[in-house]
Protein backbone atom coordinates (compact mmCIF):
# COMPACT_ATOMS: atom_id res chain seq x y z
CA MET A 1 232.12 98.59 83.86
CA TYR A 2 231.01 102.24 83.74
CA ALA A 3 227.52 101.41 85.05
CA ALA A 4 228.94 99.44 87.99
CA LEU A 5 231.32 102.26 88.89
CA LYS A 6 228.51 104.80 88.65
CA VAL A 7 226.31 102.73 91.00
CA ILE A 8 229.21 102.42 93.46
CA HIS A 9 229.85 106.17 93.15
CA LEU A 10 226.22 107.17 93.75
CA GLY A 11 225.74 104.57 96.50
CA SER A 12 228.84 105.90 98.24
CA LEU A 13 227.45 109.43 97.98
CA VAL A 14 224.29 108.32 99.78
CA MET A 15 226.27 106.44 102.45
CA TRP A 16 228.58 109.44 102.91
CA LEU A 17 225.75 111.91 103.49
CA GLY A 18 222.89 109.91 105.01
CA PRO A 19 223.83 107.82 108.05
CA ALA A 20 226.08 110.37 109.73
CA LEU A 21 223.52 113.14 109.32
CA GLY A 22 220.78 110.90 110.71
CA SER A 23 222.84 109.81 113.70
CA TRP A 24 223.91 113.40 114.34
CA LEU A 25 220.25 114.44 114.45
CA VAL A 26 219.48 111.65 116.92
CA LEU A 27 222.49 112.65 119.03
CA ARG A 28 221.36 116.30 119.09
CA TYR A 29 217.87 115.19 120.14
CA MET A 30 219.25 113.02 122.95
CA GLN A 31 221.53 115.82 124.15
CA GLN A 32 218.53 118.14 124.36
CA GLN A 33 216.12 115.61 125.91
CA GLU A 34 218.36 113.58 128.21
CA GLY A 35 221.41 115.81 128.66
CA GLU A 36 224.97 115.51 127.47
CA LEU A 37 226.04 113.23 130.33
CA SER A 38 223.12 110.80 130.44
CA PRO A 39 223.61 107.03 129.89
CA ALA A 40 221.19 107.18 126.94
CA THR A 41 223.24 109.92 125.26
CA ALA A 42 226.40 107.87 125.86
CA LYS A 43 224.81 104.97 123.94
CA VAL A 44 223.83 107.26 121.08
CA TYR A 45 227.40 108.61 121.01
CA ARG A 46 228.67 105.06 120.35
CA VAL A 47 226.34 104.71 117.36
CA PHE A 48 227.22 108.22 116.19
CA PHE A 49 230.96 107.46 116.15
CA TRP A 50 230.31 104.16 114.37
CA THR A 51 228.36 105.98 111.63
CA LEU A 52 231.20 108.51 111.30
CA THR A 53 233.49 105.61 110.46
CA LEU A 54 230.96 104.38 107.90
CA GLU A 55 230.71 107.90 106.49
CA HIS A 56 234.45 108.20 106.00
CA ILE A 57 234.76 104.75 104.42
CA ALA A 58 231.98 105.80 102.02
CA LEU A 59 233.84 109.04 101.26
CA VAL A 60 237.00 107.13 100.34
CA THR A 61 234.93 104.81 98.13
CA LEU A 62 233.25 107.85 96.55
CA LEU A 63 236.61 109.47 95.79
CA LEU A 64 238.18 106.26 94.46
CA SER A 65 235.22 105.39 92.22
CA GLY A 66 235.09 108.97 90.92
CA ALA A 67 238.82 109.02 90.20
CA THR A 68 238.58 105.65 88.45
CA MET A 69 235.76 106.90 86.19
CA ALA A 70 237.56 110.18 85.52
CA PHE A 71 240.74 108.52 84.33
CA MET A 72 239.35 105.31 82.84
CA PHE A 73 236.73 107.05 80.70
CA GLY A 74 238.63 110.25 79.88
CA PHE A 75 236.50 112.71 81.85
CA ILE A 76 239.51 114.24 83.62
CA SER A 77 240.08 116.84 80.89
CA MET A 78 236.48 118.07 80.88
CA PRO A 79 235.92 121.55 82.39
CA TRP A 80 232.86 120.51 84.41
CA LEU A 81 234.84 117.75 86.12
CA GLN A 82 237.79 120.02 86.78
CA GLN A 83 235.48 122.49 88.50
CA LYS A 84 233.90 119.66 90.47
CA LEU A 85 237.37 118.57 91.59
CA TRP A 86 238.32 122.10 92.66
CA LEU A 87 235.23 122.29 94.86
CA LEU A 88 236.02 118.88 96.26
CA LEU A 89 239.67 119.71 97.00
CA LEU A 90 239.11 123.22 98.36
CA ILE A 91 235.96 122.69 100.43
CA ILE A 92 234.95 119.09 101.02
CA VAL A 93 238.33 117.43 101.58
CA PRO A 94 239.52 119.99 104.19
CA LEU A 95 236.20 119.73 106.07
CA GLU A 96 236.36 115.95 106.00
CA ILE A 97 239.98 115.88 107.19
CA VAL A 98 238.97 117.94 110.23
CA ASP A 99 235.91 115.74 110.72
CA ILE A 100 238.02 112.58 110.59
CA TRP A 101 240.56 113.98 113.04
CA LEU A 102 237.97 115.29 115.49
CA GLY A 103 235.15 112.79 115.06
CA ASN A 104 237.09 109.58 114.62
CA TRP A 105 239.95 110.32 117.00
CA LYS A 106 240.10 113.36 119.25
CA VAL A 107 236.48 113.95 120.29
CA LYS A 108 235.70 110.23 120.21
CA ARG A 109 238.47 109.60 122.75
CA LEU A 110 237.37 112.50 124.92
CA ILE A 111 233.77 111.25 124.98
CA ALA A 112 234.96 107.71 125.82
CA LYS A 113 237.12 109.15 128.60
CA ARG A 114 234.19 111.17 129.93
CA SER A 115 231.86 108.14 129.71
CA ALA A 116 234.35 106.18 131.80
CA GLY A 117 233.95 108.73 134.60
CA ALA A 118 236.80 111.16 133.94
CA VAL A 119 236.21 114.88 134.15
CA LEU A 120 237.33 116.73 131.03
CA THR A 121 239.50 119.81 131.33
CA ALA A 122 238.09 123.13 130.18
CA ARG A 123 240.20 122.87 127.02
CA GLN A 124 238.98 119.35 126.28
CA GLN A 125 235.37 120.37 126.86
CA ALA A 126 235.88 123.38 124.58
CA LEU A 127 237.10 121.04 121.83
CA VAL A 128 234.00 118.86 122.20
CA GLN A 129 231.82 121.98 122.04
CA PHE A 130 233.69 123.28 118.99
CA TYR A 131 233.10 119.98 117.20
CA HIS A 132 229.40 119.90 118.04
CA LYS A 133 228.68 123.59 117.53
CA GLY A 134 231.12 125.63 115.43
CA PHE A 135 232.51 122.94 113.16
CA THR A 136 229.22 121.08 112.69
CA ASN A 137 227.33 124.30 111.95
CA LEU A 138 229.96 125.28 109.37
CA ALA A 139 229.66 121.84 107.74
CA LEU A 140 225.85 121.96 107.78
CA ILE A 141 225.93 125.23 105.84
CA THR A 142 228.86 124.53 103.53
CA LEU A 143 228.42 120.87 102.55
CA PRO A 144 224.84 120.94 101.21
CA VAL A 145 225.54 123.96 99.01
CA THR A 146 228.80 122.52 97.73
CA VAL A 147 227.30 119.07 97.11
CA LEU A 148 224.38 120.60 95.20
CA VAL A 149 226.77 122.56 92.96
CA ILE A 150 228.85 119.41 92.41
CA MET A 151 225.73 117.44 91.55
CA TRP A 152 224.63 120.15 89.11
CA LEU A 153 228.04 120.00 87.43
CA ALA A 154 227.88 116.19 87.21
CA VAL A 155 224.35 116.05 85.86
CA SER A 156 224.45 119.00 83.46
CA LYS A 157 228.05 118.39 82.31
CA GLN A 158 228.25 122.19 82.02
CA ALA A 159 231.03 124.24 83.56
CA LEU A 160 230.07 127.15 85.80
CA TRP A 161 232.85 129.43 84.60
């Protein structure tokens, strides 16, 4: 049972990090090459939003499989896991909540509205820009560092403090 949960946990980690990053890179490329409002970029946006959904399903699977292993096999009282959970709760979960709200609902709807021919207000456009620039840049700096520390804790089974 432990081996199966570990495979699910690690597979979910890969599915959480990989597809959305790849589709984001393709989206950025299309925005630069074809422009934000091109039909080709609109098609890439559809794939991008689909991979965001996949990413967030993988995150839920990652959290559930990790919680199951922590409680089922008694890891929850170990200092390395407690530190891993603090990083998860203080950094990753808040970033992902914002990503879910913006990427899966707010910005997705604005892009669909824009693709249908509507002109976005300055405020709506600013939200799209915030998601693609400010928020994404914060996540691109914060998530890799945090994930590497979490992976070090998981592999070494040593607490940082």
